[in-house]
C-alpha atoms as a PDB file:
ATOM      1  CA  UNK A   1      -1.197 -25.962  -4.285  1.00  0.00           C
ATOM      2  CA  UNK A   2       0.285 -22.545  -5.256  1.00  0.00           C
ATOM      3  CA  UNK A   3       3.497 -21.383  -3.670  1.00  0.00           C
ATOM      4  CA  UNK A   4       3.366 -18.400  -1.330  1.00  0.00           C
ATOM      5  CA  UNK A   5       4.914 -15.131  -2.508  1.00  0.00           C
ATOM      6  CA  UNK A   6       5.988 -12.356  -0.116  1.00  0.00           C
ATOM      7  CA  UNK A   7       7.810  -9.011  -0.196  1.00  0.00           C
ATOM      8  CA  UNK A   8      10.362  -8.117   2.479  1.00  0.00           C
ATOM      9  CA  UNK A   9      13.556  -6.237   3.270  1.00  0.00           C
ATOM     10  CA  UNK A  10      17.022  -7.819   3.291  1.00  0.00           C
ATOM     11  CA  UNK A  11      18.523  -7.507   6.789  1.00  0.00           C
ATOM     12  CA  UNK A  12      21.498  -9.845   6.375  1.00  0.00           C
ATOM     13  CA  UNK A  13      23.788 -10.544   3.413  1.00  0.00           C
ATOM     14  CA  UNK A  14      26.954 -11.881   5.048  1.00  0.00           C
ATOM     15  CA  UNK A  15      26.691 -15.470   3.837  1.00  0.00           C
ATOM     16  CA  UNK A  16      27.195 -16.575   0.230  1.00  0.00           C
ATOM     17  CA  UNK A  17      23.961 -17.214  -1.688  1.00  0.00           C
ATOM     18  CA  UNK A  18      21.826 -16.732   1.439  1.00  0.00           C
ATOM     19  CA  UNK A  19      19.935 -13.640   2.547  1.00  0.00           C
ATOM     20  CA  UNK A  20      18.012 -12.918   5.741  1.00  0.00           C
ATOM     21  CA  UNK A  21      14.719 -11.235   4.837  1.00  0.00           C
ATOM     22  CA  UNK A  22      12.281  -9.665   7.300  1.00  0.00           C
ATOM     23  CA  UNK A  23       8.593  -9.393   6.461  1.00  0.00           C
ATOM     24  CA  UNK A  24       6.908  -6.759   8.630  1.00  0.00           C
ATOM     25  CA  UNK A  25       3.231  -6.947   9.549  1.00  0.00           C
ATOM     26  CA  UNK A  26       0.750  -5.264  11.877  1.00  0.00           C
ATOM     27  CA  UNK A  27      -1.381  -7.370  14.237  1.00  0.00           C
ATOM     28  CA  UNK A  28      -4.139  -6.250  16.602  1.00  0.00           C
ATOM     29  CA  UNK A  29      -3.925  -7.566  20.153  1.00  0.00           C
ATOM     30  CA  UNK A  30      -6.905  -9.882  20.724  1.00  0.00           C
ATOM     31  CA  UNK A  31      -7.944  -8.423  24.079  1.00  0.00           C
ATOM     32  CA  UNK A  32      -6.677  -4.832  24.186  1.00  0.00           C
ATOM     33  CA  UNK A  33      -6.952  -3.900  20.514  1.00  0.00           C
ATOM     34  CA  UNK A  34      -3.562  -2.226  20.357  1.00  0.00           C
ATOM     35  CA  UNK A  35      -1.819  -2.558  17.000  1.00  0.00           C
ATOM     36  CA  UNK A  36       1.515  -4.338  17.385  1.00  0.00           C
ATOM     37  CA  UNK A  37       4.410  -4.539  14.934  1.00  0.00           C
ATOM     38  CA  UNK A  38       5.611  -8.065  14.312  1.00  0.00           C
ATOM     39  CA  UNK A  39       8.074  -9.528  11.845  1.00  0.00           C
ATOM     40  CA  UNK A  40       8.717 -12.836  10.197  1.00  0.00           C
ATOM     41  CA  UNK A  41      12.310 -13.792   9.391  1.00  0.00           C
ATOM     42  CA  UNK A  42      12.918 -15.926   6.288  1.00  0.00           C
ATOM     43  CA  UNK A  43      16.201 -17.236   4.960  1.00  0.00           C
ATOM     44  CA  UNK A  44      16.284 -16.917   1.181  1.00  0.00           C
ATOM     45  CA  UNK A  45      18.396 -18.599  -1.496  1.00  0.00           C
ATOM     46  CA  UNK A  46      19.983 -15.952  -3.764  1.00  0.00           C
ATOM     47  CA  UNK A  47      21.852 -17.902  -6.446  1.00  0.00           C
ATOM     48  CA  UNK A  48      23.583 -14.925  -8.126  1.00  0.00           C
ATOM     49  CA  UNK A  49      24.074 -12.742  -5.013  1.00  0.00           C
ATOM     50  CA  UNK A  50      21.866 -10.049  -6.586  1.00  0.00           C
ATOM     51  CA  UNK A  51      20.438  -8.550  -3.391  1.00  0.00           C
ATOM     52  CA  UNK A  52      22.241  -6.624  -0.667  1.00  0.00           C
ATOM     53  CA  UNK A  53      21.508  -5.105   2.732  1.00  0.00           C
ATOM     54  CA  UNK A  54      18.418  -2.871   2.725  1.00  0.00           C
ATOM     55  CA  UNK A  55      17.022  -4.018  -0.642  1.00  0.00           C
ATOM     56  CA  UNK A  56      13.317  -4.750  -0.985  1.00  0.00           C
ATOM     57  CA  UNK A  57      12.892  -8.207  -2.525  1.00  0.00           C
ATOM     58  CA  UNK A  58      10.144 -10.535  -3.681  1.00  0.00           C
ATOM     59  CA  UNK A  59      10.547 -14.120  -2.454  1.00  0.00           C
ATOM     60  CA  UNK A  60       8.744 -17.381  -3.172  1.00  0.00           C
ATOM     61  CA  UNK A  61       8.297 -20.494  -1.084  1.00  0.00           C
ATOM     62  CA  UNK A  62      10.349 -23.479  -2.314  1.00  0.00           C
ATOM     63  CA  UNK A  63      11.600 -26.889  -1.332  1.00  0.00           C
ATOM     64  CA  UNK A  64      13.932 -27.021   1.699  1.00  0.00           C
ATOM     65  CA  UNK A  65      17.487 -26.171   0.601  1.00  0.00           C
ATOM     66  CA  UNK A  66      19.044 -26.441   4.059  1.00  0.00           C
ATOM     67  CA  UNK A  67      17.965 -26.617   7.684  1.00  0.00           C
ATOM     68  CA  UNK A  68      16.700 -23.014   7.646  1.00  0.00           C
ATOM     69  CA  UNK A  69      16.359 -22.025   3.958  1.00  0.00           C
ATOM     70  CA  UNK A  70      12.827 -22.545   2.611  1.00  0.00           C
ATOM     71  CA  UNK A  71      12.493 -19.569   0.249  1.00  0.00           C
ATOM     72  CA  UNK A  72      14.100 -18.428  -3.010  1.00  0.00           C
ATOM     73  CA  UNK A  73      14.624 -14.972  -4.471  1.00  0.00           C
ATOM     74  CA  UNK A  74      12.297 -14.061  -7.336  1.00  0.00           C
ATOM     75  CA  UNK A  75      13.434 -10.482  -8.012  1.00  0.00           C
ATOM     76  CA  UNK A  76      14.805  -7.336  -6.433  1.00  0.00           C
ATOM     77  CA  UNK A  77      11.899  -4.878  -6.225  1.00  0.00           C
ATOM     78  CA  UNK A  78      13.915  -1.825  -5.108  1.00  0.00           C
ATOM     79  CA  UNK A  79      17.599  -1.252  -4.417  1.00  0.00           C
ATOM     80  CA  UNK A  80      18.705   0.216  -1.088  1.00  0.00           C
ATOM     81  CA  UNK A  81      19.509   3.909  -0.771  1.00  0.00           C
ATOM     82  CA  UNK A  82      21.798   3.344   2.245  1.00  0.00           C
ATOM     83  CA  UNK A  83      25.290   4.859   2.206  1.00  0.00           C
ATOM     84  CA  UNK A  84      28.215   2.950   3.703  1.00  0.00           C
ATOM     85  CA  UNK A  85      30.001   5.586   5.799  1.00  0.00           C
ATOM     86  CA  UNK A  86      33.188   3.544   6.324  1.00  0.00           C
ATOM     87  CA  UNK A  87      33.508   3.100   2.562  1.00  0.00           C
ATOM     88  CA  UNK A  88      33.144   6.865   2.060  1.00  0.00           C
ATOM     89  CA  UNK A  89      35.842   7.670   4.622  1.00  0.00           C
ATOM     90  CA  UNK A  90      38.253   5.108   3.176  1.00  0.00           C
ATOM     91  CA  UNK A  91      37.851   6.517  -0.332  1.00  0.00           C
ATOM     92  CA  UNK A  92      38.335  10.077   0.915  1.00  0.00           C
ATOM     93  CA  UNK A  93      41.634   9.092   2.551  1.00  0.00           C
ATOM     94  CA  UNK A  94      42.843   7.361  -0.604  1.00  0.00           C
ATOM     95  CA  UNK A  95      43.018   3.864   0.847  1.00  0.00           C
ATOM     96  CA  UNK A  96      43.485   1.047  -1.659  1.00  0.00           C
ATOM     97  CA  UNK A  97      40.496  -1.241  -2.058  1.00  0.00           C
ATOM     98  CA  UNK A  98      38.050   1.413  -0.877  1.00  0.00           C
ATOM     99  CA  UNK A  99      36.566   2.290  -4.255  1.00  0.00           C
ATOM    100  CA  UNK A 100      33.078   3.695  -4.089  1.00  0.00           C
ATOM    101  CA  UNK A 101      30.235   1.546  -5.380  1.00  0.00           C
ATOM    102  CA  UNK A 102      26.491   2.001  -5.738  1.00  0.00           C
ATOM    103  CA  UNK A 103      24.763   4.976  -4.083  1.00  0.00           C
ATOM    104  CA  UNK A 104      27.923   5.876  -2.133  1.00  0.00           C
ATOM    105  CA  UNK A 105      29.638   6.867  -5.405  1.00  0.00           C
ATOM    106  CA  UNK A 106      27.094   9.677  -5.924  1.00  0.00           C
ATOM    107  CA  UNK A 107      27.793  11.438  -2.609  1.00  0.00           C
ATOM    108  CA  UNK A 108      30.576  14.078  -2.738  1.00  0.00           C
ATOM    109  CA  UNK A 109      33.410  13.715  -0.254  1.00  0.00           C
ATOM    110  CA  UNK A 110      33.525  16.107   2.733  1.00  0.00           C
ATOM    111  CA  UNK A 111      36.887  17.835   2.486  1.00  0.00           C
END
């Protein structure tokens, strides 16, 4: 039997090697016909910590790796364009350890 493949958005990256991915879908109500937004939450094994918050990722069903993890990361489809505001402010004030990374490095500081 082939393994299921899905595309979703990373909504949690706080734990090491684990990501929380939401897969959004639209469902019609059986009686009233209204289209409802629903989501499926999957916990994904990310061996190399490649994905981060807001990234669009492709995941594949796998053997159970823990009580909740049943998926593994195949690839990062698109990187997030989110800007971390606290990181920007820390770099503008010259705080140590607040170096800009990723898309936040491209935004000029507001001085």
